[in-house]
Amino acid sequence: MRDKIIVQKNQKSTKRDKKAKIITIQDAMCMLIETKGYENVTIRDIAEAASVSIGLIYKYFPGGKFDILKEIGYRYTDELLRIKQPETIDFNDFPGYMRDVIKNMQQFYKDNSPLIKALIMATLSDSEIMDEIKKMDVKDYKTASEFFCRFNGVDIGNKDPLEVLVCWGFTVKSIILCDIICPLPLMDEEALTDLMVDLSLKIWGYQEGA
């Protein structure tokens, strides 16, 4: 029995260690992109910054740099939408939830504007990145799209939830990115938030009291 408990503890410790190393690798890459630009960052650079081996990076991220970047996006999405924390969400208040999500998105992009700008520049100048983006499987976001449909008042009819999610994400992210690159005149952050919330409710077919 004691041996079984020790094995279980070791397994948990290994999982925690793996997660910590993955986050360290991701954070190291973000830091390097800000300082060197995506195109100039190598796996060796990331390994040195994260104090791990090149082999370990490829073990966790077989596709290299873009795999790391993709997983950062998934991690950010999970944290932002709180899909794995449904107990913290009021499913009767979709407008309130959407406002929180959008405000957090605005803050994230503001806090990481050097990283975001570096990635935009890399995407515009590196055709390989664009090719990788085109190959991304949006089905990875299927859980998120179905999660939105759990809110009372959300009604997308016969539309595919995944297509609606992609449309919503593209709309909101485009507005936030435009504001980072060239702030909209005569519109403060709160007004911009209101605009994105209104657009979001329309995209998701929200009807109050439905």
N, C-alpha and C. Protein backbone atom coordinates (compact mmCIF):
# COMPACT_ATOMS: atom_id res chain seq x y z
N MET A 1 0.84 -1.21 0.00
CA MET A 1 0.00 0.00 0.00
C MET A 1 0.88 1.26 0.00
N ARG A 2 1.93 1.22 0.84
CA ARG A 2 2.84 2.37 0.93
C ARG A 2 3.54 2.62 -0.41
N ASP A 3 3.94 1.51 -1.08
CA ASP A 3 4.61 1.64 -2.38
C ASP A 3 3.67 2.28 -3.40
N LYS A 4 2.38 1.92 -3.33
CA LYS A 4 1.39 2.48 -4.25
C LYS A 4 1.25 3.97 -4.04
N ILE A 5 1.23 4.41 -2.78
CA ILE A 5 1.11 5.83 -2.46
C ILE A 5 2.32 6.59 -2.98
N ILE A 6 3.51 6.01 -2.81
CA ILE A 6 4.74 6.66 -3.29
C ILE A 6 4.71 6.81 -4.81
N VAL A 7 4.27 5.78 -5.51
CA VAL A 7 4.18 5.82 -6.97
C VAL A 7 3.22 6.92 -7.41
N GLN A 8 2.06 7.01 -6.74
CA GLN A 8 1.08 8.04 -7.08
C GLN A 8 1.65 9.43 -6.87
N LYS A 9 2.37 9.63 -5.77
CA LYS A 9 2.99 10.93 -5.48
C LYS A 9 4.02 11.27 -6.54
N ASN A 10 4.82 10.25 -6.94
CA ASN A 10 5.84 10.48 -7.96
C ASN A 10 5.22 10.84 -9.30
N GLN A 11 4.08 10.21 -9.62
CA GLN A 11 3.39 10.51 -10.88
C GLN A 11 2.89 11.95 -10.89
N LYS A 12 2.32 12.37 -9.75
CA LYS A 12 1.82 13.75 -9.64
C LYS A 12 2.97 14.74 -9.74
N SER A 13 4.09 14.40 -9.10
CA SER A 13 5.25 15.27 -9.13
C SER A 13 5.79 15.40 -10.55
N THR A 14 5.79 14.28 -11.29
CA THR A 14 6.27 14.28 -12.68
C THR A 14 5.38 15.16 -13.55
N LYS A 15 4.06 15.05 -13.35
CA LYS A 15 3.11 15.85 -14.13
C LYS A 15 3.30 17.33 -13.85
N ARG A 16 3.50 17.67 -12.55
CA ARG A 16 3.72 19.07 -12.19
C ARG A 16 5.00 19.59 -12.80
N ASP A 17 6.04 18.74 -12.77
CA ASP A 17 7.34 19.12 -13.32
C ASP A 17 7.24 19.33 -14.84
N LYS A 18 6.51 18.45 -15.51
CA LYS A 18 6.32 18.57 -16.96
C LYS A 18 5.58 19.87 -17.29
N LYS A 19 4.51 20.14 -16.56
CA LYS A 19 3.73 21.35 -16.81
C LYS A 19 4.58 22.60 -16.57
N ALA A 20 5.38 22.57 -15.50
CA ALA A 20 6.23 23.72 -15.18
C ALA A 20 7.26 23.95 -16.28
N LYS A 21 7.84 22.88 -16.81
CA LYS A 21 8.83 23.01 -17.87
C LYS A 21 8.20 23.53 -19.16
N ILE A 22 7.00 23.06 -19.45
CA ILE A 22 6.30 23.52 -20.66
C ILE A 22 6.02 25.02 -20.57
N ILE A 23 5.56 25.46 -19.41
CA ILE A 23 5.28 26.89 -19.22
C ILE A 23 6.58 27.70 -19.30
N THR A 24 7.66 27.16 -18.73
CA THR A 24 8.95 27.84 -18.79
C THR A 24 9.42 28.00 -20.24
N ILE A 25 9.23 26.96 -21.03
CA ILE A 25 9.60 27.02 -22.46
C ILE A 25 8.77 28.06 -23.19
N GLN A 26 7.47 28.07 -22.91
CA GLN A 26 6.58 29.03 -23.55
C GLN A 26 6.93 30.46 -23.17
N ASP A 27 7.18 30.67 -21.89
CA ASP A 27 7.53 32.01 -21.41
C ASP A 27 8.87 32.48 -22.00
N ALA A 28 9.81 31.55 -22.11
CA ALA A 28 11.12 31.89 -22.69
C ALA A 28 10.95 32.32 -24.14
N MET A 29 10.11 31.63 -24.88
CA MET A 29 9.90 31.97 -26.28
C MET A 29 9.26 33.35 -26.41
N CYS A 30 8.27 33.63 -25.57
CA CYS A 30 7.62 34.95 -25.61
C CYS A 30 8.64 36.07 -25.36
N MET A 31 9.49 35.86 -24.37
CA MET A 31 10.51 36.86 -24.05
C MET A 31 11.47 37.08 -25.22
N LEU A 32 11.86 35.99 -25.85
CA LEU A 32 12.81 36.07 -26.97
C LEU A 32 12.18 36.73 -28.20
N ILE A 33 10.90 36.44 -28.43
CA ILE A 33 10.21 37.07 -29.57
C ILE A 33 10.18 38.58 -29.39
N GLU A 34 9.93 39.02 -28.17
CA GLU A 34 9.89 40.46 -27.88
C GLU A 34 11.24 41.12 -28.14
N THR A 35 12.31 40.44 -27.78
CA THR A 35 13.64 41.05 -27.85
C THR A 35 14.34 40.82 -29.19
N LYS A 36 14.08 39.66 -29.84
CA LYS A 36 14.81 39.34 -31.06
C LYS A 36 13.95 39.29 -32.32
N GLY A 37 12.62 39.15 -32.12
CA GLY A 37 11.75 38.94 -33.27
C GLY A 37 11.60 37.45 -33.53
N TYR A 38 10.41 37.02 -33.90
CA TYR A 38 10.11 35.59 -34.07
C TYR A 38 11.07 34.91 -35.04
N GLU A 39 11.32 35.59 -36.17
CA GLU A 39 12.13 34.97 -37.21
C GLU A 39 13.58 34.72 -36.79
N ASN A 40 14.06 35.46 -35.79
CA ASN A 40 15.45 35.33 -35.35
C ASN A 40 15.64 34.37 -34.18
N VAL A 41 14.53 33.91 -33.62
CA VAL A 41 14.61 33.02 -32.46
C VAL A 41 14.83 31.58 -32.94
N THR A 42 15.78 30.91 -32.33
CA THR A 42 16.04 29.50 -32.66
C THR A 42 15.66 28.61 -31.48
N ILE A 43 15.51 27.34 -31.75
CA ILE A 43 15.22 26.38 -30.69
C ILE A 43 16.35 26.37 -29.67
N ARG A 44 17.57 26.54 -30.14
CA ARG A 44 18.72 26.60 -29.22
C ARG A 44 18.58 27.79 -28.27
N ASP A 45 18.14 28.95 -28.81
CA ASP A 45 17.92 30.14 -27.98
C ASP A 45 16.90 29.85 -26.88
N ILE A 46 15.82 29.20 -27.28
CA ILE A 46 14.74 28.89 -26.34
C ILE A 46 15.24 27.93 -25.27
N ALA A 47 15.98 26.93 -25.68
CA ALA A 47 16.52 25.94 -24.74
C ALA A 47 17.42 26.60 -23.71
N GLU A 48 18.29 27.51 -24.17
CA GLU A 48 19.20 28.20 -23.25
C GLU A 48 18.43 29.11 -22.30
N ALA A 49 17.44 29.83 -22.82
CA ALA A 49 16.66 30.75 -21.98
C ALA A 49 15.81 30.01 -20.96
N ALA A 50 15.34 28.83 -21.33
CA ALA A 50 14.48 28.05 -20.43
C ALA A 50 15.27 27.05 -19.58
N SER A 51 16.58 26.98 -19.83
CA SER A 51 17.46 26.04 -19.11
C SER A 51 16.99 24.59 -19.26
N VAL A 52 16.66 24.22 -20.49
CA VAL A 52 16.28 22.84 -20.80
C VAL A 52 17.06 22.41 -22.04
N SER A 53 16.98 21.13 -22.36
CA SER A 53 17.68 20.63 -23.54
C SER A 53 16.84 20.84 -24.80
N ILE A 54 17.51 20.89 -25.93
CA ILE A 54 16.82 21.00 -27.22
C ILE A 54 15.93 19.77 -27.43
N GLY A 55 16.44 18.61 -27.00
CA GLY A 55 15.66 17.38 -27.14
C GLY A 55 14.36 17.43 -26.39
N LEU A 56 14.39 18.04 -25.19
CA LEU A 56 13.16 18.14 -24.38
C LEU A 56 12.14 19.02 -25.07
N ILE A 57 12.60 20.10 -25.69
CA ILE A 57 11.67 20.99 -26.39
C ILE A 57 10.97 20.24 -27.52
N TYR A 58 11.74 19.49 -28.29
CA TYR A 58 11.13 18.74 -29.39
C TYR A 58 10.26 17.58 -28.89
N LYS A 59 10.54 17.11 -27.69
CA LYS A 59 9.70 16.07 -27.10
C LYS A 59 8.30 16.62 -26.81
N TYR A 60 8.24 17.84 -26.26
CA TYR A 60 6.96 18.45 -25.94
C TYR A 60 6.33 19.18 -27.14
N PHE A 61 7.20 19.68 -28.02
CA PHE A 61 6.72 20.45 -29.17
C PHE A 61 7.41 19.95 -30.45
N PRO A 62 6.94 18.83 -30.99
CA PRO A 62 7.58 18.22 -32.17
C PRO A 62 7.65 19.15 -33.38
N GLY A 63 6.70 20.08 -33.48
CA GLY A 63 6.66 20.99 -34.62
C GLY A 63 7.54 22.21 -34.46
N GLY A 64 8.29 22.28 -33.37
CA GLY A 64 9.20 23.41 -33.17
C GLY A 64 8.54 24.69 -32.72
N LYS A 65 9.04 25.81 -33.22
CA LYS A 65 8.62 27.13 -32.74
C LYS A 65 7.12 27.35 -32.86
N PHE A 66 6.56 26.99 -34.01
CA PHE A 66 5.14 27.27 -34.21
C PHE A 66 4.27 26.43 -33.27
N ASP A 67 4.72 25.22 -32.98
CA ASP A 67 4.00 24.38 -32.02
C ASP A 67 3.95 25.06 -30.65
N ILE A 68 5.07 25.64 -30.25
CA ILE A 68 5.12 26.35 -28.97
C ILE A 68 4.14 27.51 -28.99
N LEU A 69 4.18 28.26 -30.08
CA LEU A 69 3.30 29.42 -30.22
C LEU A 69 1.83 29.01 -30.20
N LYS A 70 1.53 27.92 -30.87
CA LYS A 70 0.15 27.42 -30.92
C LYS A 70 -0.35 27.02 -29.54
N GLU A 71 0.50 26.33 -28.79
CA GLU A 71 0.12 25.89 -27.45
C GLU A 71 -0.05 27.08 -26.50
N ILE A 72 0.73 28.13 -26.71
CA ILE A 72 0.55 29.35 -25.92
C ILE A 72 -0.85 29.90 -26.16
N GLY A 73 -1.27 29.88 -27.42
CA GLY A 73 -2.60 30.36 -27.77
C GLY A 73 -3.69 29.54 -27.10
N TYR A 74 -3.54 28.22 -27.09
CA TYR A 74 -4.52 27.35 -26.44
C TYR A 74 -4.57 27.62 -24.93
N ARG A 75 -3.39 27.78 -24.35
CA ARG A 75 -3.31 28.04 -22.90
C ARG A 75 -3.99 29.35 -22.56
N TYR A 76 -3.72 30.36 -23.36
CA TYR A 76 -4.32 31.68 -23.13
C TYR A 76 -5.84 31.61 -23.28
N THR A 77 -6.32 30.88 -24.29
CA THR A 77 -7.76 30.75 -24.52
C THR A 77 -8.44 30.08 -23.34
N ASP A 78 -7.84 29.02 -22.82
CA ASP A 78 -8.41 28.31 -21.66
C ASP A 78 -8.52 29.24 -20.45
N GLU A 79 -7.46 30.00 -20.21
CA GLU A 79 -7.45 30.91 -19.06
C GLU A 79 -8.47 32.03 -19.25
N LEU A 80 -8.57 32.53 -20.46
CA LEU A 80 -9.44 33.66 -20.74
C LEU A 80 -10.93 33.29 -20.66
N LEU A 81 -11.29 32.18 -21.28
CA LEU A 81 -12.71 31.80 -21.35
C LEU A 81 -13.20 31.05 -20.12
N ARG A 82 -12.28 30.56 -19.29
CA ARG A 82 -12.61 29.83 -18.06
C ARG A 82 -13.48 28.60 -18.34
N ILE A 83 -13.23 27.96 -19.47
CA ILE A 83 -14.01 26.79 -19.84
C ILE A 83 -13.87 25.67 -18.81
N LYS A 84 -12.69 25.57 -18.21
CA LYS A 84 -12.45 24.50 -17.24
C LYS A 84 -12.84 24.91 -15.82
N GLN A 85 -13.46 26.10 -15.71
CA GLN A 85 -13.93 26.58 -14.41
C GLN A 85 -15.39 27.03 -14.48
N PRO A 86 -16.27 26.15 -14.95
CA PRO A 86 -17.68 26.54 -15.14
C PRO A 86 -18.36 26.98 -13.85
N GLU A 87 -17.82 26.52 -12.71
CA GLU A 87 -18.44 26.89 -11.43
C GLU A 87 -18.27 28.37 -11.12
N THR A 88 -17.38 29.04 -11.81
CA THR A 88 -17.14 30.48 -11.59
C THR A 88 -17.98 31.36 -12.51
N ILE A 89 -18.81 30.75 -13.33
CA ILE A 89 -19.54 31.49 -14.37
C ILE A 89 -21.04 31.44 -14.15
N ASP A 90 -21.70 32.57 -14.36
CA ASP A 90 -23.16 32.67 -14.31
C ASP A 90 -23.69 32.50 -15.73
N PHE A 91 -24.26 31.35 -16.02
CA PHE A 91 -24.74 31.06 -17.37
C PHE A 91 -26.04 31.79 -17.70
N ASN A 92 -26.53 32.57 -16.75
CA ASN A 92 -27.70 33.42 -17.02
C ASN A 92 -27.29 34.85 -17.38
N ASP A 93 -26.00 35.10 -17.41
CA ASP A 93 -25.51 36.45 -17.67
C ASP A 93 -24.46 36.43 -18.79
N PHE A 94 -24.90 36.15 -20.00
CA PHE A 94 -23.98 36.12 -21.12
C PHE A 94 -23.35 37.49 -21.41
N PRO A 95 -24.12 38.60 -21.34
CA PRO A 95 -23.50 39.91 -21.56
C PRO A 95 -22.39 40.21 -20.56
N GLY A 96 -22.61 39.84 -19.28
CA GLY A 96 -21.60 40.08 -18.26
C GLY A 96 -20.36 39.24 -18.50
N TYR A 97 -20.58 37.98 -18.87
CA TYR A 97 -19.45 37.09 -19.17
C TYR A 97 -18.66 37.62 -20.36
N MET A 98 -19.38 38.02 -21.40
CA MET A 98 -18.72 38.51 -22.61
C MET A 98 -17.93 39.79 -22.32
N ARG A 99 -18.48 40.65 -21.49
CA ARG A 99 -17.76 41.88 -21.14
C ARG A 99 -16.47 41.55 -20.40
N ASP A 100 -16.52 40.60 -19.47
CA ASP A 100 -15.31 40.20 -18.73
C ASP A 100 -14.26 39.64 -19.68
N VAL A 101 -14.70 38.78 -20.60
CA VAL A 101 -13.78 38.16 -21.56
C VAL A 101 -13.10 39.23 -22.42
N ILE A 102 -13.89 40.16 -22.93
CA ILE A 102 -13.34 41.19 -23.82
C ILE A 102 -12.41 42.13 -23.06
N LYS A 103 -12.78 42.51 -21.85
CA LYS A 103 -11.90 43.40 -21.07
C LYS A 103 -10.58 42.70 -20.75
N ASN A 104 -10.66 41.41 -20.45
CA ASN A 104 -9.44 40.65 -20.19
C ASN A 104 -8.58 40.53 -21.45
N MET A 105 -9.23 40.38 -22.59
CA MET A 105 -8.51 40.33 -23.86
C MET A 105 -7.80 41.66 -24.11
N GLN A 106 -8.51 42.75 -23.88
CA GLN A 106 -7.90 44.08 -24.06
C GLN A 106 -6.69 44.25 -23.16
N GLN A 107 -6.81 43.81 -21.91
CA GLN A 107 -5.71 43.95 -20.97
C GLN A 107 -4.53 43.07 -21.37
N PHE A 108 -4.83 41.85 -21.82
CA PHE A 108 -3.77 40.94 -22.25
C PHE A 108 -2.99 41.53 -23.42
N TYR A 109 -3.71 42.03 -24.40
CA TYR A 109 -3.04 42.61 -25.58
C TYR A 109 -2.26 43.87 -25.20
N LYS A 110 -2.78 44.63 -24.26
CA LYS A 110 -2.09 45.84 -23.81
C LYS A 110 -0.81 45.47 -23.06
N ASP A 111 -0.91 44.48 -22.16
CA ASP A 111 0.25 44.06 -21.37
C ASP A 111 1.33 43.42 -22.23
N ASN A 112 0.92 42.82 -23.35
CA ASN A 112 1.86 42.10 -24.20
C ASN A 112 2.00 42.72 -25.59
N SER A 113 1.80 44.03 -25.65
CA SER A 113 1.82 44.70 -26.96
C SER A 113 3.14 44.52 -27.72
N PRO A 114 4.33 44.54 -27.05
CA PRO A 114 5.56 44.30 -27.81
C PRO A 114 5.57 42.92 -28.47
N LEU A 115 5.09 41.91 -27.73
CA LEU A 115 5.03 40.55 -28.26
C LEU A 115 4.04 40.49 -29.43
N ILE A 116 2.87 41.09 -29.25
CA ILE A 116 1.84 41.07 -30.29
C ILE A 116 2.34 41.75 -31.56
N LYS A 117 2.96 42.91 -31.40
CA LYS A 117 3.47 43.64 -32.57
C LYS A 117 4.57 42.85 -33.28
N ALA A 118 5.43 42.20 -32.50
CA ALA A 118 6.49 41.39 -33.09
C ALA A 118 5.91 40.23 -33.89
N LEU A 119 4.85 39.61 -33.38
CA LEU A 119 4.22 38.49 -34.07
C LEU A 119 3.52 38.96 -35.35
N ILE A 120 2.90 40.15 -35.28
CA ILE A 120 2.25 40.70 -36.48
C ILE A 120 3.27 40.95 -37.57
N MET A 121 4.38 41.56 -37.19
CA MET A 121 5.43 41.85 -38.16
C MET A 121 6.00 40.55 -38.75
N ALA A 122 6.17 39.55 -37.89
CA ALA A 122 6.70 38.27 -38.37
C ALA A 122 5.73 37.61 -39.35
N THR A 123 4.44 37.67 -39.03
CA THR A 123 3.43 37.07 -39.90
C THR A 123 3.39 37.75 -41.26
N LEU A 124 3.54 39.08 -41.26
CA LEU A 124 3.50 39.83 -42.51
C LEU A 124 4.73 39.58 -43.38
N SER A 125 5.86 39.29 -42.74
CA SER A 125 7.11 39.16 -43.49
C SER A 125 7.55 37.72 -43.72
N ASP A 126 6.93 36.77 -43.01
CA ASP A 126 7.36 35.38 -43.11
C ASP A 126 6.21 34.52 -43.64
N SER A 127 6.30 34.11 -44.89
CA SER A 127 5.23 33.33 -45.52
C SER A 127 5.05 31.96 -44.85
N GLU A 128 6.13 31.45 -44.24
CA GLU A 128 6.04 30.15 -43.58
C GLU A 128 5.07 30.19 -42.40
N ILE A 129 5.07 31.31 -41.68
CA ILE A 129 4.15 31.44 -40.54
C ILE A 129 2.72 31.43 -41.05
N MET A 130 2.46 32.17 -42.11
CA MET A 130 1.11 32.22 -42.67
C MET A 130 0.68 30.83 -43.14
N ASP A 131 1.60 30.09 -43.73
CA ASP A 131 1.29 28.72 -44.17
C ASP A 131 0.93 27.84 -42.97
N GLU A 132 1.66 28.02 -41.87
CA GLU A 132 1.38 27.23 -40.66
C GLU A 132 0.01 27.60 -40.08
N ILE A 133 -0.32 28.90 -40.11
CA ILE A 133 -1.62 29.35 -39.60
C ILE A 133 -2.75 28.75 -40.41
N LYS A 134 -2.56 28.70 -41.72
CA LYS A 134 -3.59 28.15 -42.60
C LYS A 134 -3.80 26.65 -42.35
N LYS A 135 -2.75 25.98 -41.86
CA LYS A 135 -2.85 24.54 -41.61
C LYS A 135 -3.44 24.22 -40.24
N MET A 136 -3.62 25.24 -39.41
CA MET A 136 -4.15 25.00 -38.06
C MET A 136 -5.56 24.44 -38.13
N ASP A 137 -5.83 23.48 -37.30
CA ASP A 137 -7.14 22.84 -37.27
C ASP A 137 -8.04 23.57 -36.26
N VAL A 138 -9.01 24.32 -36.77
CA VAL A 138 -9.88 25.10 -35.87
C VAL A 138 -10.77 24.19 -35.03
N LYS A 139 -10.80 22.89 -35.36
CA LYS A 139 -11.61 21.96 -34.57
C LYS A 139 -11.10 21.88 -33.13
N ASP A 140 -9.86 22.32 -32.92
CA ASP A 140 -9.32 22.35 -31.56
C ASP A 140 -10.12 23.30 -30.67
N TYR A 141 -10.89 24.20 -31.29
CA TYR A 141 -11.68 25.16 -30.53
C TYR A 141 -13.15 24.75 -30.45
N LYS A 142 -13.44 23.51 -30.82
CA LYS A 142 -14.82 23.03 -30.81
C LYS A 142 -15.44 23.10 -29.41
N THR A 143 -14.65 22.72 -28.41
CA THR A 143 -15.16 22.75 -27.03
C THR A 143 -15.55 24.16 -26.64
N ALA A 144 -14.74 25.15 -27.03
CA ALA A 144 -15.03 26.54 -26.70
C ALA A 144 -16.32 26.99 -27.37
N SER A 145 -16.51 26.60 -28.62
CA SER A 145 -17.72 27.03 -29.35
C SER A 145 -18.98 26.45 -28.72
N GLU A 146 -18.91 25.22 -28.28
CA GLU A 146 -20.06 24.59 -27.63
C GLU A 146 -20.30 25.17 -26.24
N PHE A 147 -19.24 25.60 -25.60
CA PHE A 147 -19.34 26.21 -24.27
C PHE A 147 -20.17 27.49 -24.34
N PHE A 148 -19.95 28.32 -25.35
CA PHE A 148 -20.69 29.56 -25.51
C PHE A 148 -22.19 29.29 -25.66
N CYS A 149 -22.53 28.19 -26.31
CA CYS A 149 -23.93 27.87 -26.55
C CYS A 149 -24.66 27.41 -25.29
N ARG A 150 -23.93 27.21 -24.20
CA ARG A 150 -24.56 26.81 -22.94
C ARG A 150 -25.24 27.98 -22.23
N PHE A 151 -24.91 29.20 -22.63
CA PHE A 151 -25.48 30.37 -21.96
C PHE A 151 -26.94 30.57 -22.34
N ASN A 152 -27.74 30.90 -21.34
CA ASN A 152 -29.14 31.20 -21.60
C ASN A 152 -29.25 32.47 -22.44
N GLY A 153 -30.07 32.43 -23.47
CA GLY A 153 -30.26 33.58 -24.33
C GLY A 153 -29.46 33.52 -25.61
N VAL A 154 -28.46 32.64 -25.66
CA VAL A 154 -27.66 32.48 -26.88
C VAL A 154 -28.43 31.59 -27.85
N ASP A 155 -28.65 32.08 -29.07
CA ASP A 155 -29.40 31.31 -30.07
C ASP A 155 -28.79 31.55 -31.45
N ILE A 156 -28.04 30.57 -31.93
CA ILE A 156 -27.40 30.72 -33.24
C ILE A 156 -28.15 29.94 -34.33
N GLY A 157 -29.33 29.43 -33.98
CA GLY A 157 -30.14 28.72 -34.95
C GLY A 157 -29.44 27.48 -35.48
N ASN A 158 -29.40 27.35 -36.81
CA ASN A 158 -28.80 26.18 -37.44
C ASN A 158 -27.32 26.38 -37.78
N LYS A 159 -26.75 27.48 -37.34
CA LYS A 159 -25.35 27.75 -37.65
C LYS A 159 -24.44 26.80 -36.88
N ASP A 160 -23.28 26.54 -37.45
CA ASP A 160 -22.27 25.72 -36.79
C ASP A 160 -21.61 26.55 -35.70
N PRO A 161 -21.66 26.09 -34.43
CA PRO A 161 -21.05 26.86 -33.33
C PRO A 161 -19.58 27.20 -33.59
N LEU A 162 -18.86 26.29 -34.23
CA LEU A 162 -17.44 26.51 -34.50
C LEU A 162 -17.25 27.68 -35.48
N GLU A 163 -18.11 27.75 -36.49
CA GLU A 163 -18.03 28.85 -37.45
C GLU A 163 -18.36 30.18 -36.78
N VAL A 164 -19.33 30.15 -35.87
CA VAL A 164 -19.71 31.37 -35.14
C VAL A 164 -18.56 31.83 -34.25
N LEU A 165 -17.91 30.87 -33.59
CA LEU A 165 -16.77 31.20 -32.72
C LEU A 165 -15.64 31.84 -33.53
N VAL A 166 -15.34 31.27 -34.69
CA VAL A 166 -14.28 31.81 -35.54
C VAL A 166 -14.62 33.23 -35.98
N CYS A 167 -15.87 33.44 -36.36
CA CYS A 167 -16.33 34.78 -36.77
C CYS A 167 -16.21 35.76 -35.62
N TRP A 168 -16.65 35.34 -34.44
CA TRP A 168 -16.57 36.21 -33.26
C TRP A 168 -15.13 36.53 -32.92
N GLY A 169 -14.28 35.51 -32.88
CA GLY A 169 -12.88 35.72 -32.53
C GLY A 169 -12.18 36.65 -33.50
N PHE A 170 -12.44 36.45 -34.79
CA PHE A 170 -11.82 37.30 -35.82
C PHE A 170 -12.27 38.75 -35.66
N THR A 171 -13.55 38.95 -35.40
CA THR A 171 -14.10 40.30 -35.26
C THR A 171 -13.48 41.04 -34.08
N VAL A 172 -13.52 40.41 -32.90
CA VAL A 172 -13.03 41.04 -31.68
C VAL A 172 -11.52 41.26 -31.72
N LYS A 173 -10.78 40.24 -32.14
CA LYS A 173 -9.32 40.37 -32.18
C LYS A 173 -8.88 41.43 -33.18
N SER A 174 -9.60 41.52 -34.30
CA SER A 174 -9.25 42.53 -35.31
C SER A 174 -9.40 43.94 -34.76
N ILE A 175 -10.48 44.17 -34.02
CA ILE A 175 -10.72 45.49 -33.44
C ILE A 175 -9.64 45.82 -32.41
N ILE A 176 -9.33 44.86 -31.54
CA ILE A 176 -8.32 45.09 -30.51
C ILE A 176 -6.94 45.34 -31.14
N LEU A 177 -6.60 44.56 -32.14
CA LEU A 177 -5.30 44.72 -32.80
C LEU A 177 -5.20 46.07 -33.51
N CYS A 178 -6.28 46.47 -34.17
CA CYS A 178 -6.29 47.78 -34.83
C CYS A 178 -6.09 48.90 -33.81
N ASP A 179 -6.70 48.75 -32.65
CA ASP A 179 -6.57 49.77 -31.61
C ASP A 179 -5.15 49.83 -31.05
N ILE A 180 -4.47 48.67 -31.01
CA ILE A 180 -3.09 48.64 -30.53
C ILE A 180 -2.15 49.32 -31.53
N ILE A 181 -2.35 48.99 -32.80
CA ILE A 181 -1.48 49.53 -33.85
C ILE A 181 -1.76 51.00 -34.11
N CYS A 182 -3.06 51.33 -34.18
CA CYS A 182 -3.45 52.72 -34.45
C CYS A 182 -4.71 53.02 -33.65
N PRO A 183 -4.58 53.54 -32.43
CA PRO A 183 -5.74 53.80 -31.57
C PRO A 183 -6.84 54.58 -32.29
N LEU A 184 -8.07 54.11 -32.08
CA LEU A 184 -9.20 54.75 -32.74
C LEU A 184 -9.45 56.14 -32.16
N PRO A 185 -9.56 57.17 -33.00
CA PRO A 185 -9.80 58.53 -32.50
C PRO A 185 -11.23 58.68 -31.95
N LEU A 186 -11.38 59.56 -30.99
CA LEU A 186 -12.70 59.90 -30.42
C LEU A 186 -13.41 58.70 -29.80
N MET A 187 -12.67 57.66 -29.41
CA MET A 187 -13.30 56.51 -28.76
C MET A 187 -12.39 56.00 -27.65
N ASP A 188 -12.84 56.10 -26.39
CA ASP A 188 -12.02 55.61 -25.29
C ASP A 188 -12.19 54.10 -25.14
N GLU A 189 -11.43 53.53 -24.24
CA GLU A 189 -11.42 52.07 -24.09
C GLU A 189 -12.78 51.51 -23.70
N GLU A 190 -13.50 52.22 -22.83
CA GLU A 190 -14.80 51.74 -22.39
C GLU A 190 -15.80 51.71 -23.54
N ALA A 191 -15.76 52.76 -24.37
CA ALA A 191 -16.65 52.81 -25.53
C ALA A 191 -16.32 51.69 -26.51
N LEU A 192 -15.02 51.40 -26.65
CA LEU A 192 -14.59 50.33 -27.53
C LEU A 192 -15.06 48.97 -26.99
N THR A 193 -15.00 48.82 -25.67
CA THR A 193 -15.49 47.59 -25.04
C THR A 193 -16.98 47.43 -25.31
N ASP A 194 -17.74 48.52 -25.13
CA ASP A 194 -19.19 48.48 -25.37
C ASP A 194 -19.49 48.05 -26.81
N LEU A 195 -18.71 48.59 -27.75
CA LEU A 195 -18.90 48.25 -29.16
C LEU A 195 -18.68 46.76 -29.39
N MET A 196 -17.60 46.22 -28.83
CA MET A 196 -17.29 44.80 -29.03
C MET A 196 -18.29 43.89 -28.34
N VAL A 197 -18.78 44.31 -27.18
CA VAL A 197 -19.81 43.51 -26.49
C VAL A 197 -21.08 43.47 -27.33
N ASP A 198 -21.51 44.62 -27.85
CA ASP A 198 -22.72 44.67 -28.68
C ASP A 198 -22.57 43.79 -29.91
N LEU A 199 -21.41 43.86 -30.56
CA LEU A 199 -21.17 43.03 -31.75
C LEU A 199 -21.18 41.55 -31.38
N SER A 200 -20.59 41.24 -30.23
CA SER A 200 -20.52 39.85 -29.78
C SER A 200 -21.91 39.27 -29.53
N LEU A 201 -22.76 40.05 -28.89
CA LEU A 201 -24.11 39.58 -28.60
C LEU A 201 -24.89 39.34 -29.90
N LYS A 202 -24.67 40.20 -30.88
CA LYS A 202 -25.34 40.01 -32.19
C LYS A 202 -24.81 38.76 -32.90
N ILE A 203 -23.50 38.57 -32.86
CA ILE A 203 -22.91 37.41 -33.53
C ILE A 203 -23.43 36.11 -32.92
N TRP A 204 -23.62 36.10 -31.60
CA TRP A 204 -24.09 34.89 -30.93
C TRP A 204 -25.61 34.82 -30.81
N GLY A 205 -26.30 35.75 -31.45
CA GLY A 205 -27.77 35.72 -31.48
C GLY A 205 -28.40 35.85 -30.11
N TYR A 206 -27.76 36.60 -29.23
CA TYR A 206 -28.25 36.70 -27.86
C TYR A 206 -29.57 37.46 -27.79
N GLN A 207 -30.52 36.89 -27.04
CA GLN A 207 -31.81 37.54 -26.80
C GLN A 207 -32.09 37.52 -25.31
N GLU A 208 -32.15 38.70 -24.73
CA GLU A 208 -32.35 38.80 -23.28
C GLU A 208 -33.71 38.23 -22.89
N GLY A 209 -33.69 37.41 -21.87
CA GLY A 209 -34.93 36.83 -21.36
C GLY A 209 -35.42 35.63 -22.14
N ALA A 210 -34.66 35.22 -23.17
CA ALA A 210 -35.09 34.10 -23.99
C ALA A 210 -34.91 32.77 -23.26
